[in-house]
Amino acid sequence: RWDAAPEQPGTKEFAQELSKRGILPTISHTQAEYKDVYEGYLSGFKHTSQLYNAMPGFHKKNEYKYEGTVESVYLIDDMTTEVIADGKHLPATILRLVYVIKGPEKVALVTAALSYAAYNGPVNPDDNVYIEDGVCKVKGVKHLAGSIATMDTLVKNMVIKVETTLKDAVKMASETPAKIMGVYDKVGSIEKGKEANILILNYNYDILSVWSHGVKVK
């Protein structure tokens, strides 16, 4: 996978070359409007990284209004996307909007988590980040640096806050991203011949047990 902005010179040719080599071209950190998003899609940009993050939505230039990258992704039915569903980067209302428009077959859940998601100690003072309100922020500016959520938290958020079904939330965390990345033959569902990576959840969607490659690790 390789992220790029489709409005930049040469990126459409770059996307074609990536596709030939089995690398997924992905739209990310962009100012693209519909024309560039659609032309990028035709060139191989089939996926969009972290929808709403570092990309414009509906906006105005002088006296006229224009669609942003976000609306362009909605308009291209076959384009897949992903959302940071930690409950901090996007509100539940926007997560619900993405889910309703694109559906669980076209939306993947991503944590965008920094290493502190798996670390209970203090933040390294040499890092340019701090943790506040359950999210990592950049020191000195009002920007989010990354999430500290793990995937089970995302699934729980989608069910409880966004009111998806558990089946759809799990699909967006497993099957859909596996298909997007072209590894569904190995992971993403429980089937004979695939890696036996399995979580057992309780009724509160908390993890009870974990199997990795068929071996119980928790």
N, C-alpha and C. Protein backbone atom coordinates (compact mmCIF):
# COMPACT_ATOMS: atom_id res chain seq x y z
N ARG A 1 0.85 -1.19 0.00
CA ARG A 1 0.00 0.00 0.00
C ARG A 1 0.89 1.24 0.00
N TRP A 2 0.45 2.25 -0.76
CA TRP A 2 1.21 3.50 -0.81
C TRP A 2 0.22 4.66 -0.90
N ASP A 3 0.32 5.60 0.02
CA ASP A 3 -0.59 6.75 0.05
C ASP A 3 -0.02 7.92 -0.73
N ALA A 4 -0.91 8.64 -1.42
CA ALA A 4 -0.50 9.82 -2.19
C ALA A 4 -1.71 10.71 -2.43
N ALA A 5 -1.43 11.94 -2.84
CA ALA A 5 -2.49 12.90 -3.17
C ALA A 5 -2.68 12.92 -4.69
N PRO A 6 -3.85 12.56 -5.21
CA PRO A 6 -4.03 12.37 -6.65
C PRO A 6 -3.95 13.66 -7.46
N GLU A 7 -4.06 14.82 -6.81
CA GLU A 7 -3.98 16.08 -7.56
C GLU A 7 -2.54 16.51 -7.84
N GLN A 8 -1.58 15.83 -7.24
CA GLN A 8 -0.18 16.20 -7.45
C GLN A 8 0.33 15.66 -8.80
N PRO A 9 1.23 16.39 -9.45
CA PRO A 9 1.74 15.95 -10.76
C PRO A 9 2.38 14.57 -10.69
N GLY A 10 2.04 13.73 -11.65
CA GLY A 10 2.66 12.42 -11.76
C GLY A 10 2.05 11.32 -10.93
N THR A 11 1.11 11.66 -10.03
CA THR A 11 0.60 10.63 -9.12
C THR A 11 -0.31 9.63 -9.84
N LYS A 12 -0.99 10.06 -10.88
CA LYS A 12 -1.86 9.13 -11.60
C LYS A 12 -1.03 8.07 -12.31
N GLU A 13 0.07 8.47 -12.94
CA GLU A 13 0.99 7.52 -13.56
C GLU A 13 1.64 6.63 -12.50
N PHE A 14 1.92 7.24 -11.35
CA PHE A 14 2.50 6.50 -10.23
C PHE A 14 1.54 5.41 -9.75
N ALA A 15 0.24 5.77 -9.67
CA ALA A 15 -0.77 4.81 -9.23
C ALA A 15 -0.86 3.63 -10.20
N GLN A 16 -0.76 3.90 -11.48
CA GLN A 16 -0.80 2.83 -12.47
C GLN A 16 0.37 1.87 -12.29
N GLU A 17 1.54 2.43 -12.01
CA GLU A 17 2.73 1.60 -11.81
C GLU A 17 2.62 0.79 -10.52
N LEU A 18 2.09 1.41 -9.47
CA LEU A 18 1.90 0.68 -8.21
C LEU A 18 0.96 -0.51 -8.42
N SER A 19 -0.12 -0.27 -9.14
CA SER A 19 -1.11 -1.33 -9.37
C SER A 19 -0.48 -2.51 -10.12
N LYS A 20 0.37 -2.21 -11.07
CA LYS A 20 1.06 -3.27 -11.83
C LYS A 20 1.92 -4.13 -10.91
N ARG A 21 2.45 -3.52 -9.86
CA ARG A 21 3.36 -4.21 -8.94
C ARG A 21 2.64 -4.82 -7.74
N GLY A 22 1.31 -4.79 -7.76
CA GLY A 22 0.54 -5.38 -6.66
C GLY A 22 0.51 -4.54 -5.40
N ILE A 23 0.74 -3.24 -5.55
CA ILE A 23 0.70 -2.31 -4.41
C ILE A 23 -0.58 -1.48 -4.52
N LEU A 24 -1.30 -1.33 -3.42
CA LEU A 24 -2.56 -0.61 -3.42
C LEU A 24 -2.34 0.90 -3.35
N PRO A 25 -2.67 1.67 -4.41
CA PRO A 25 -2.59 3.14 -4.33
C PRO A 25 -3.76 3.66 -3.49
N THR A 26 -3.46 4.53 -2.55
CA THR A 26 -4.47 5.03 -1.61
C THR A 26 -4.41 6.55 -1.53
N ILE A 27 -5.57 7.18 -1.58
CA ILE A 27 -5.65 8.65 -1.48
C ILE A 27 -5.50 9.05 -0.02
N SER A 28 -4.60 10.01 0.24
CA SER A 28 -4.37 10.45 1.61
C SER A 28 -3.78 11.85 1.63
N HIS A 29 -4.07 12.62 2.69
CA HIS A 29 -3.50 13.95 2.90
C HIS A 29 -3.53 14.75 1.59
N THR A 30 -4.72 15.17 1.23
CA THR A 30 -4.98 15.69 -0.11
C THR A 30 -5.89 16.90 -0.08
N GLN A 31 -5.88 17.65 -1.15
CA GLN A 31 -6.81 18.76 -1.36
C GLN A 31 -7.70 18.49 -2.58
N ALA A 32 -7.74 17.24 -3.01
CA ALA A 32 -8.42 16.88 -4.26
C ALA A 32 -9.92 17.11 -4.21
N GLU A 33 -10.44 17.62 -5.32
CA GLU A 33 -11.87 17.70 -5.54
C GLU A 33 -12.27 16.56 -6.48
N TYR A 34 -13.53 16.55 -6.91
CA TYR A 34 -14.06 15.37 -7.60
C TYR A 34 -13.27 14.97 -8.84
N LYS A 35 -12.91 15.93 -9.68
CA LYS A 35 -12.23 15.61 -10.93
C LYS A 35 -10.96 14.79 -10.66
N ASP A 36 -10.14 15.26 -9.73
CA ASP A 36 -8.89 14.56 -9.43
C ASP A 36 -9.13 13.23 -8.73
N VAL A 37 -10.13 13.18 -7.85
CA VAL A 37 -10.43 11.92 -7.16
C VAL A 37 -10.91 10.88 -8.17
N TYR A 38 -11.80 11.29 -9.09
CA TYR A 38 -12.33 10.34 -10.07
C TYR A 38 -11.25 9.90 -11.05
N GLU A 39 -10.45 10.84 -11.53
CA GLU A 39 -9.35 10.47 -12.43
C GLU A 39 -8.35 9.57 -11.70
N GLY A 40 -8.13 9.86 -10.41
CA GLY A 40 -7.26 9.01 -9.62
C GLY A 40 -7.83 7.61 -9.48
N TYR A 41 -9.13 7.53 -9.26
CA TYR A 41 -9.80 6.23 -9.17
C TYR A 41 -9.59 5.43 -10.45
N LEU A 42 -9.77 6.06 -11.58
CA LEU A 42 -9.58 5.38 -12.87
C LEU A 42 -8.13 4.95 -13.06
N SER A 43 -7.21 5.66 -12.41
CA SER A 43 -5.78 5.33 -12.53
C SER A 43 -5.34 4.25 -11.55
N GLY A 44 -6.19 3.93 -10.59
CA GLY A 44 -5.84 2.87 -9.64
C GLY A 44 -6.07 3.20 -8.18
N PHE A 45 -6.39 4.46 -7.87
CA PHE A 45 -6.67 4.83 -6.48
C PHE A 45 -8.05 4.30 -6.09
N LYS A 46 -8.11 3.09 -5.60
CA LYS A 46 -9.39 2.45 -5.26
C LYS A 46 -9.77 2.62 -3.80
N HIS A 47 -8.87 3.18 -3.01
CA HIS A 47 -9.09 3.27 -1.56
C HIS A 47 -8.68 4.65 -1.06
N THR A 48 -9.32 5.08 0.02
CA THR A 48 -9.02 6.37 0.64
C THR A 48 -8.64 6.17 2.10
N SER A 49 -7.53 6.73 2.49
CA SER A 49 -7.02 6.58 3.85
C SER A 49 -7.73 7.52 4.81
N GLN A 50 -8.19 6.99 5.95
CA GLN A 50 -8.67 7.79 7.08
C GLN A 50 -9.58 8.95 6.64
N LEU A 51 -10.75 8.60 6.16
CA LEU A 51 -11.70 9.58 5.64
C LEU A 51 -11.91 10.73 6.64
N TYR A 52 -11.96 11.94 6.12
CA TYR A 52 -12.10 13.20 6.85
C TYR A 52 -10.79 13.69 7.45
N ASN A 53 -9.74 12.87 7.46
CA ASN A 53 -8.48 13.28 8.08
C ASN A 53 -7.56 13.91 7.04
N ALA A 54 -7.22 15.17 7.22
CA ALA A 54 -6.32 15.89 6.31
C ALA A 54 -6.84 15.86 4.87
N MET A 55 -8.14 16.11 4.72
CA MET A 55 -8.73 16.22 3.38
C MET A 55 -9.97 17.11 3.49
N PRO A 56 -10.27 17.87 2.43
CA PRO A 56 -11.40 18.80 2.52
C PRO A 56 -12.74 18.14 2.28
N GLY A 57 -13.76 18.71 2.90
CA GLY A 57 -15.13 18.38 2.57
C GLY A 57 -15.70 19.51 1.73
N PHE A 58 -17.01 19.61 1.69
CA PHE A 58 -17.70 20.68 0.95
C PHE A 58 -17.15 22.04 1.36
N HIS A 59 -16.77 22.88 0.39
CA HIS A 59 -16.12 24.14 0.71
C HIS A 59 -16.45 25.20 -0.33
N LYS A 60 -16.07 26.42 -0.04
CA LYS A 60 -16.37 27.56 -0.90
C LYS A 60 -15.08 28.24 -1.32
N LYS A 61 -14.99 28.56 -2.61
CA LYS A 61 -13.87 29.35 -3.15
C LYS A 61 -14.47 30.55 -3.85
N ASN A 62 -14.13 31.74 -3.32
CA ASN A 62 -14.77 32.97 -3.80
C ASN A 62 -16.29 32.83 -3.63
N GLU A 63 -17.06 33.03 -4.70
CA GLU A 63 -18.51 32.98 -4.55
C GLU A 63 -19.12 31.62 -4.88
N TYR A 64 -18.28 30.64 -5.25
CA TYR A 64 -18.79 29.33 -5.68
C TYR A 64 -18.46 28.23 -4.67
N LYS A 65 -19.28 27.21 -4.68
CA LYS A 65 -19.12 26.08 -3.76
C LYS A 65 -18.64 24.85 -4.53
N TYR A 66 -17.81 24.04 -3.86
CA TYR A 66 -17.22 22.87 -4.49
C TYR A 66 -17.29 21.67 -3.56
N GLU A 67 -17.39 20.50 -4.17
CA GLU A 67 -17.32 19.26 -3.40
C GLU A 67 -15.88 19.04 -2.97
N GLY A 68 -15.69 18.38 -1.85
CA GLY A 68 -14.35 18.05 -1.40
C GLY A 68 -14.01 16.60 -1.67
N THR A 69 -12.90 16.16 -1.13
CA THR A 69 -12.50 14.76 -1.27
C THR A 69 -13.55 13.84 -0.65
N VAL A 70 -14.08 14.25 0.48
CA VAL A 70 -15.03 13.40 1.20
C VAL A 70 -16.26 13.11 0.34
N GLU A 71 -16.88 14.16 -0.21
CA GLU A 71 -18.06 13.96 -1.04
C GLU A 71 -17.73 13.15 -2.29
N SER A 72 -16.53 13.34 -2.81
CA SER A 72 -16.10 12.59 -3.99
C SER A 72 -16.03 11.10 -3.71
N VAL A 73 -15.53 10.75 -2.53
CA VAL A 73 -15.47 9.34 -2.14
C VAL A 73 -16.88 8.76 -2.03
N TYR A 74 -17.81 9.53 -1.48
CA TYR A 74 -19.20 9.07 -1.40
C TYR A 74 -19.79 8.83 -2.80
N LEU A 75 -19.43 9.67 -3.75
CA LEU A 75 -20.01 9.60 -5.09
C LEU A 75 -19.49 8.44 -5.92
N ILE A 76 -18.32 7.92 -5.58
CA ILE A 76 -17.74 6.80 -6.33
C ILE A 76 -18.08 5.51 -5.58
N ASP A 77 -19.08 4.82 -6.08
CA ASP A 77 -19.65 3.68 -5.35
C ASP A 77 -18.62 2.61 -4.99
N ASP A 78 -17.72 2.31 -5.92
CA ASP A 78 -16.79 1.20 -5.71
C ASP A 78 -15.54 1.57 -4.92
N MET A 79 -15.38 2.85 -4.58
CA MET A 79 -14.20 3.24 -3.82
C MET A 79 -14.38 2.87 -2.35
N THR A 80 -13.39 2.18 -1.80
CA THR A 80 -13.42 1.84 -0.39
C THR A 80 -12.75 2.93 0.43
N THR A 81 -13.00 2.91 1.72
CA THR A 81 -12.41 3.92 2.59
C THR A 81 -12.21 3.33 3.97
N GLU A 82 -11.71 4.14 4.88
CA GLU A 82 -11.49 3.69 6.26
C GLU A 82 -11.73 4.86 7.20
N VAL A 83 -12.09 4.55 8.43
CA VAL A 83 -12.34 5.60 9.44
C VAL A 83 -11.63 5.24 10.73
N ILE A 84 -11.12 6.28 11.40
CA ILE A 84 -10.55 6.11 12.73
C ILE A 84 -11.71 6.19 13.72
N ALA A 85 -12.14 5.04 14.22
CA ALA A 85 -13.34 4.96 15.04
C ALA A 85 -13.02 4.91 16.53
N ASP A 86 -12.00 5.68 16.94
CA ASP A 86 -11.63 5.69 18.36
C ASP A 86 -12.55 6.55 19.21
N GLY A 87 -13.49 7.24 18.57
CA GLY A 87 -14.41 8.12 19.30
C GLY A 87 -13.85 9.49 19.57
N LYS A 88 -12.64 9.76 19.08
CA LYS A 88 -11.99 11.05 19.28
C LYS A 88 -11.75 11.77 17.94
N HIS A 89 -11.26 11.04 16.95
CA HIS A 89 -10.95 11.66 15.66
C HIS A 89 -12.22 12.07 14.91
N LEU A 90 -13.27 11.27 15.05
CA LEU A 90 -14.54 11.55 14.39
C LEU A 90 -15.68 11.33 15.37
N PRO A 91 -16.70 12.21 15.37
CA PRO A 91 -17.85 11.98 16.25
C PRO A 91 -18.70 10.84 15.73
N ALA A 92 -19.53 10.31 16.60
CA ALA A 92 -20.38 9.18 16.23
C ALA A 92 -21.31 9.51 15.08
N THR A 93 -21.75 10.76 14.98
CA THR A 93 -22.65 11.16 13.88
C THR A 93 -21.97 11.01 12.52
N ILE A 94 -20.71 11.39 12.43
CA ILE A 94 -19.98 11.26 11.16
C ILE A 94 -19.67 9.80 10.87
N LEU A 95 -19.30 9.04 11.88
CA LEU A 95 -19.08 7.61 11.69
C LEU A 95 -20.35 6.94 11.19
N ARG A 96 -21.48 7.38 11.71
CA ARG A 96 -22.77 6.84 11.27
C ARG A 96 -23.03 7.20 9.81
N LEU A 97 -22.70 8.42 9.43
CA LEU A 97 -22.89 8.88 8.05
C LEU A 97 -22.08 8.03 7.08
N VAL A 98 -20.81 7.80 7.40
CA VAL A 98 -19.95 6.98 6.54
C VAL A 98 -20.51 5.57 6.43
N TYR A 99 -20.93 5.02 7.54
CA TYR A 99 -21.48 3.66 7.58
C TYR A 99 -22.75 3.55 6.73
N VAL A 100 -23.63 4.52 6.84
CA VAL A 100 -24.89 4.48 6.10
C VAL A 100 -24.66 4.65 4.60
N ILE A 101 -23.76 5.56 4.21
CA ILE A 101 -23.55 5.84 2.79
C ILE A 101 -22.74 4.75 2.11
N LYS A 102 -21.63 4.35 2.71
CA LYS A 102 -20.73 3.40 2.04
C LYS A 102 -21.04 1.94 2.38
N GLY A 103 -21.55 1.68 3.57
CA GLY A 103 -21.88 0.31 3.95
C GLY A 103 -20.67 -0.45 4.46
N PRO A 104 -20.90 -1.53 5.21
CA PRO A 104 -19.79 -2.27 5.83
C PRO A 104 -18.88 -2.96 4.82
N GLU A 105 -19.34 -3.16 3.60
CA GLU A 105 -18.50 -3.78 2.58
C GLU A 105 -17.45 -2.83 2.02
N LYS A 106 -17.63 -1.52 2.26
CA LYS A 106 -16.71 -0.53 1.69
C LYS A 106 -15.97 0.28 2.75
N VAL A 107 -16.21 -0.02 4.03
CA VAL A 107 -15.59 0.74 5.12
C VAL A 107 -14.76 -0.18 6.01
N ALA A 108 -13.51 0.20 6.24
CA ALA A 108 -12.64 -0.52 7.17
C ALA A 108 -12.42 0.34 8.41
N LEU A 109 -12.33 -0.29 9.55
CA LEU A 109 -11.99 0.41 10.79
C LEU A 109 -10.48 0.39 10.97
N VAL A 110 -9.91 1.54 11.31
CA VAL A 110 -8.47 1.62 11.58
C VAL A 110 -8.26 2.36 12.90
N THR A 111 -7.23 1.96 13.63
CA THR A 111 -6.97 2.60 14.92
C THR A 111 -6.15 3.88 14.79
N ALA A 112 -5.26 3.95 13.80
CA ALA A 112 -4.29 5.04 13.70
C ALA A 112 -3.55 5.20 15.03
N ALA A 113 -3.32 4.08 15.69
CA ALA A 113 -2.79 4.11 17.05
C ALA A 113 -1.27 4.24 17.07
N LEU A 114 -0.79 5.05 18.02
CA LEU A 114 0.63 5.11 18.32
C LEU A 114 0.98 3.97 19.28
N SER A 115 2.26 3.80 19.53
CA SER A 115 2.70 2.69 20.38
C SER A 115 2.13 2.79 21.80
N TYR A 116 1.70 3.97 22.20
CA TYR A 116 1.18 4.15 23.55
C TYR A 116 -0.15 3.42 23.75
N ALA A 117 -0.77 2.95 22.68
CA ALA A 117 -2.00 2.16 22.81
C ALA A 117 -1.74 0.87 23.57
N ALA A 118 -0.53 0.36 23.48
CA ALA A 118 -0.18 -0.90 24.15
C ALA A 118 0.80 -0.67 25.30
N TYR A 119 0.83 0.55 25.84
CA TYR A 119 1.83 0.91 26.84
C TYR A 119 1.16 1.70 27.94
N ASN A 120 1.27 1.22 29.16
CA ASN A 120 0.58 1.86 30.29
C ASN A 120 1.44 2.85 31.06
N GLY A 121 2.69 3.00 30.66
CA GLY A 121 3.59 3.88 31.39
C GLY A 121 3.47 5.33 30.92
N PRO A 122 4.35 6.19 31.43
CA PRO A 122 4.31 7.62 31.05
C PRO A 122 4.81 7.83 29.63
N VAL A 123 4.40 8.94 29.04
CA VAL A 123 4.85 9.30 27.69
C VAL A 123 6.32 9.68 27.73
N ASN A 124 7.08 9.22 26.77
CA ASN A 124 8.49 9.58 26.67
C ASN A 124 8.61 11.10 26.51
N PRO A 125 9.32 11.78 27.42
CA PRO A 125 9.40 13.25 27.34
C PRO A 125 10.08 13.74 26.07
N ASP A 126 10.83 12.88 25.40
CA ASP A 126 11.48 13.28 24.14
C ASP A 126 10.52 13.24 22.95
N ASP A 127 9.38 12.56 23.13
CA ASP A 127 8.39 12.54 22.06
C ASP A 127 7.63 13.87 22.02
N ASN A 128 7.21 14.25 20.83
CA ASN A 128 6.52 15.52 20.67
C ASN A 128 5.01 15.37 20.86
N VAL A 129 4.61 14.49 21.77
CA VAL A 129 3.19 14.23 21.98
C VAL A 129 2.89 14.14 23.47
N TYR A 130 1.61 14.26 23.79
CA TYR A 130 1.13 14.03 25.16
C TYR A 130 -0.26 13.41 25.06
N ILE A 131 -0.68 12.72 26.10
CA ILE A 131 -1.98 12.06 26.11
C ILE A 131 -2.95 12.87 26.96
N GLU A 132 -4.08 13.18 26.37
CA GLU A 132 -5.11 13.95 27.06
C GLU A 132 -6.48 13.53 26.53
N ASP A 133 -7.44 13.32 27.41
CA ASP A 133 -8.80 12.99 27.01
C ASP A 133 -8.85 11.72 26.15
N GLY A 134 -7.98 10.77 26.44
CA GLY A 134 -8.02 9.50 25.75
C GLY A 134 -7.52 9.50 24.33
N VAL A 135 -6.67 10.47 24.00
CA VAL A 135 -6.11 10.55 22.65
C VAL A 135 -4.73 11.19 22.71
N CYS A 136 -3.89 10.93 21.72
CA CYS A 136 -2.56 11.50 21.67
C CYS A 136 -2.59 12.83 20.92
N LYS A 137 -2.02 13.86 21.51
CA LYS A 137 -2.02 15.19 20.90
C LYS A 137 -0.59 15.68 20.69
N VAL A 138 -0.43 16.61 19.74
CA VAL A 138 0.88 17.18 19.44
C VAL A 138 1.14 18.34 20.40
N LYS A 139 2.32 18.36 20.96
CA LYS A 139 2.68 19.43 21.89
C LYS A 139 2.71 20.79 21.17
N GLY A 140 2.16 21.80 21.83
CA GLY A 140 2.29 23.17 21.34
C GLY A 140 1.28 23.59 20.28
N VAL A 141 0.56 22.64 19.70
CA VAL A 141 -0.45 22.98 18.69
C VAL A 141 -1.72 22.18 18.95
N LYS A 142 -2.83 22.64 18.43
CA LYS A 142 -4.10 21.96 18.66
C LYS A 142 -4.35 20.94 17.54
N HIS A 143 -3.55 19.86 17.56
CA HIS A 143 -3.69 18.81 16.56
C HIS A 143 -3.63 17.45 17.24
N LEU A 144 -4.38 16.51 16.71
CA LEU A 144 -4.29 15.14 17.19
C LEU A 144 -3.08 14.47 16.53
N ALA A 145 -2.31 13.74 17.32
CA ALA A 145 -1.13 13.05 16.80
C ALA A 145 -1.46 11.62 16.40
N GLY A 146 -2.43 11.03 17.08
CA GLY A 146 -2.78 9.64 16.80
C GLY A 146 -3.67 9.10 17.90
N SER A 147 -4.13 7.90 17.69
CA SER A 147 -5.03 7.27 18.64
C SER A 147 -4.25 6.45 19.67
N ILE A 148 -4.91 6.15 20.78
CA ILE A 148 -4.37 5.16 21.73
C ILE A 148 -5.38 4.04 21.91
N ALA A 149 -6.28 3.90 20.93
CA ALA A 149 -7.31 2.87 20.99
C ALA A 149 -6.85 1.61 20.28
N THR A 150 -7.29 0.47 20.79
CA THR A 150 -7.06 -0.81 20.12
C THR A 150 -8.34 -1.21 19.37
N MET A 151 -8.23 -2.20 18.50
CA MET A 151 -9.33 -2.52 17.60
C MET A 151 -10.61 -2.94 18.33
N ASP A 152 -10.47 -3.59 19.49
CA ASP A 152 -11.67 -3.97 20.22
C ASP A 152 -12.48 -2.75 20.66
N THR A 153 -11.77 -1.65 20.97
CA THR A 153 -12.44 -0.40 21.33
C THR A 153 -13.22 0.15 20.15
N LEU A 154 -12.65 0.05 18.95
CA LEU A 154 -13.33 0.53 17.76
C LEU A 154 -14.62 -0.25 17.50
N VAL A 155 -14.54 -1.56 17.63
CA VAL A 155 -15.73 -2.39 17.44
C VAL A 155 -16.80 -2.01 18.45
N LYS A 156 -16.41 -1.85 19.69
CA LYS A 156 -17.35 -1.46 20.74
C LYS A 156 -17.99 -0.10 20.45
N ASN A 157 -17.17 0.86 20.00
CA ASN A 157 -17.68 2.18 19.65
C ASN A 157 -18.72 2.11 18.53
N MET A 158 -18.42 1.32 17.52
CA MET A 158 -19.34 1.23 16.38
C MET A 158 -20.69 0.63 16.81
N VAL A 159 -20.66 -0.34 17.70
CA VAL A 159 -21.91 -0.98 18.14
C VAL A 159 -22.68 -0.07 19.10
N ILE A 160 -21.98 0.47 20.10
CA ILE A 160 -22.67 1.21 21.16
C ILE A 160 -22.96 2.66 20.76
N LYS A 161 -21.98 3.35 20.20
CA LYS A 161 -22.15 4.77 19.89
C LYS A 161 -22.75 5.03 18.51
N VAL A 162 -22.35 4.21 17.53
CA VAL A 162 -22.81 4.42 16.15
C VAL A 162 -24.05 3.58 15.86
N GLU A 163 -24.30 2.57 16.70
CA GLU A 163 -25.49 1.73 16.60
C GLU A 163 -25.50 0.87 15.34
N THR A 164 -24.32 0.35 14.97
CA THR A 164 -24.28 -0.67 13.93
C THR A 164 -24.59 -2.01 14.57
N THR A 165 -24.78 -3.01 13.74
CA THR A 165 -24.89 -4.36 14.29
C THR A 165 -23.48 -4.84 14.65
N LEU A 166 -23.41 -5.81 15.56
CA LEU A 166 -22.11 -6.39 15.91
C LEU A 166 -21.51 -7.07 14.68
N LYS A 167 -22.34 -7.73 13.90
CA LYS A 167 -21.87 -8.40 12.68
C LYS A 167 -21.18 -7.42 11.75
N ASP A 168 -21.79 -6.24 11.53
CA ASP A 168 -21.20 -5.25 10.63
C ASP A 168 -19.92 -4.66 11.21
N ALA A 169 -19.91 -4.41 12.53
CA ALA A 169 -18.72 -3.84 13.16
C ALA A 169 -17.54 -4.79 13.02
N VAL A 170 -17.78 -6.08 13.27
CA VAL A 170 -16.71 -7.08 13.14
C VAL A 170 -16.27 -7.19 11.69
N LYS A 171 -17.22 -7.11 10.78
CA LYS A 171 -16.88 -7.18 9.35
C LYS A 171 -15.96 -6.04 8.95
N MET A 172 -16.24 -4.83 9.45
CA MET A 172 -15.41 -3.67 9.12
C MET A 172 -14.03 -3.74 9.77
N ALA A 173 -13.91 -4.57 10.81
CA ALA A 173 -12.63 -4.73 11.49
C ALA A 173 -11.82 -5.91 10.95
N SER A 174 -12.45 -6.77 10.16
CA SER A 174 -11.76 -8.00 9.75
C SER A 174 -11.91 -8.29 8.27
N GLU A 175 -13.10 -8.69 7.85
CA GLU A 175 -13.32 -9.11 6.46
C GLU A 175 -13.05 -8.01 5.45
N THR A 176 -13.64 -6.83 5.67
CA THR A 176 -13.48 -5.74 4.70
C THR A 176 -12.04 -5.30 4.54
N PRO A 177 -11.29 -5.01 5.63
CA PRO A 177 -9.89 -4.63 5.43
C PRO A 177 -9.05 -5.72 4.79
N ALA A 178 -9.35 -6.99 5.10
CA ALA A 178 -8.61 -8.09 4.48
C ALA A 178 -8.84 -8.12 2.98
N LYS A 179 -10.08 -7.87 2.56
CA LYS A 179 -10.38 -7.82 1.12
C LYS A 179 -9.72 -6.62 0.46
N ILE A 180 -9.74 -5.47 1.12
CA ILE A 180 -9.12 -4.26 0.57
C ILE A 180 -7.63 -4.50 0.32
N MET A 181 -6.97 -5.16 1.27
CA MET A 181 -5.53 -5.38 1.17
C MET A 181 -5.16 -6.64 0.38
N GLY A 182 -6.17 -7.35 -0.12
CA GLY A 182 -5.89 -8.51 -0.96
C GLY A 182 -5.35 -9.72 -0.22
N VAL A 183 -5.71 -9.86 1.06
CA VAL A 183 -5.22 -11.00 1.85
C VAL A 183 -6.37 -11.82 2.42
N TYR A 184 -7.54 -11.69 1.80
CA TYR A 184 -8.71 -12.39 2.32
C TYR A 184 -8.59 -13.90 2.18
N ASP A 185 -7.69 -14.36 1.34
CA ASP A 185 -7.47 -15.80 1.23
C ASP A 185 -6.77 -16.37 2.46
N LYS A 186 -6.19 -15.49 3.29
CA LYS A 186 -5.44 -15.94 4.47
C LYS A 186 -6.11 -15.54 5.78
N VAL A 187 -6.70 -14.34 5.82
CA VAL A 187 -7.26 -13.81 7.06
C VAL A 187 -8.59 -13.11 6.77
N GLY A 188 -9.28 -12.68 7.84
CA GLY A 188 -10.48 -11.88 7.67
C GLY A 188 -11.78 -12.60 7.95
N SER A 189 -11.73 -13.93 8.01
CA SER A 189 -12.92 -14.70 8.35
C SER A 189 -12.47 -16.05 8.91
N ILE A 190 -13.39 -16.75 9.55
CA ILE A 190 -13.08 -18.06 10.12
C ILE A 190 -13.48 -19.12 9.10
N GLU A 191 -12.50 -19.63 8.40
CA GLU A 191 -12.74 -20.65 7.37
C GLU A 191 -11.58 -21.64 7.37
N LYS A 192 -11.86 -22.83 6.90
CA LYS A 192 -10.84 -23.85 6.78
C LYS A 192 -9.72 -23.37 5.87
N GLY A 193 -8.47 -23.54 6.34
CA GLY A 193 -7.32 -23.16 5.54
C GLY A 193 -6.79 -21.76 5.83
N LYS A 194 -7.55 -20.96 6.61
CA LYS A 194 -7.10 -19.61 6.95
C LYS A 194 -6.44 -19.61 8.32
N GLU A 195 -5.70 -18.52 8.58
CA GLU A 195 -5.08 -18.36 9.90
C GLU A 195 -6.18 -18.29 10.96
N ALA A 196 -6.03 -19.07 12.00
CA ALA A 196 -7.04 -19.10 13.06
C ALA A 196 -6.75 -18.01 14.08
N ASN A 197 -7.05 -16.76 13.69
CA ASN A 197 -6.91 -15.61 14.59
C ASN A 197 -8.30 -15.26 15.09
N ILE A 198 -8.58 -15.55 16.35
CA ILE A 198 -9.94 -15.49 16.87
C ILE A 198 -9.98 -14.77 18.20
N LEU A 199 -11.00 -13.92 18.36
CA LEU A 199 -11.26 -13.26 19.65
C LEU A 199 -12.59 -13.74 20.19
N ILE A 200 -12.66 -13.96 21.47
CA ILE A 200 -13.92 -14.26 22.15
C ILE A 200 -14.27 -13.04 23.00
N LEU A 201 -15.47 -12.47 22.77
CA LEU A 201 -15.92 -11.29 23.49
C LEU A 201 -17.05 -11.65 24.45
N ASN A 202 -17.19 -10.87 25.53
CA ASN A 202 -18.34 -11.04 26.40
C ASN A 202 -19.48 -10.13 25.91
N TYR A 203 -20.56 -10.07 26.68
CA TYR A 203 -21.72 -9.29 26.25
C TYR A 203 -21.49 -7.79 26.31
N ASN A 204 -20.40 -7.37 26.94
CA ASN A 204 -20.02 -5.95 26.95
C ASN A 204 -18.99 -5.64 25.87
N TYR A 205 -18.72 -6.62 25.00
CA TYR A 205 -17.76 -6.49 23.90
C TYR A 205 -16.32 -6.35 24.39
N ASP A 206 -16.07 -6.85 25.59
CA ASP A 206 -14.70 -6.90 26.11
C ASP A 206 -14.08 -8.25 25.74
N ILE A 207 -12.76 -8.26 25.54
CA ILE A 207 -12.08 -9.48 25.11
C ILE A 207 -11.92 -10.45 26.28
N LEU A 208 -12.35 -11.68 26.07
CA LEU A 208 -12.17 -12.73 27.06
C LEU A 208 -10.99 -13.62 26.72
N SER A 209 -10.86 -13.97 25.43
CA SER A 209 -9.79 -14.89 25.00
C SER A 209 -9.29 -14.49 23.62
N VAL A 210 -8.02 -14.85 23.35
CA VAL A 210 -7.39 -14.54 22.06
C VAL A 210 -6.66 -15.77 21.56
N TRP A 211 -6.91 -16.13 20.30
CA TRP A 211 -6.15 -17.16 19.60
C TRP A 211 -5.39 -16.53 18.45
N SER A 212 -4.10 -16.83 18.32
CA SER A 212 -3.28 -16.37 17.21
C SER A 212 -2.71 -17.58 16.49
N HIS A 213 -3.05 -17.71 15.21
CA HIS A 213 -2.62 -18.88 14.42
C HIS A 213 -3.01 -20.20 15.13
N GLY A 214 -4.18 -20.19 15.74
CA GLY A 214 -4.68 -21.39 16.38
C GLY A 214 -4.16 -21.66 17.76
N VAL A 215 -3.30 -20.79 18.28
CA VAL A 215 -2.72 -20.97 19.62
C VAL A 215 -3.33 -19.93 20.58
N LYS A 216 -3.84 -20.39 21.69
CA LYS A 216 -4.41 -19.47 22.67
C LYS A 216 -3.32 -18.67 23.35
N VAL A 217 -3.39 -17.36 23.26
CA VAL A 217 -2.37 -16.49 23.86
C VAL A 217 -2.91 -15.67 25.02
N LYS A 218 -4.22 -15.73 25.23
CA LYS A 218 -4.82 -15.02 26.37
C LYS A 218 -6.06 -15.75 26.81
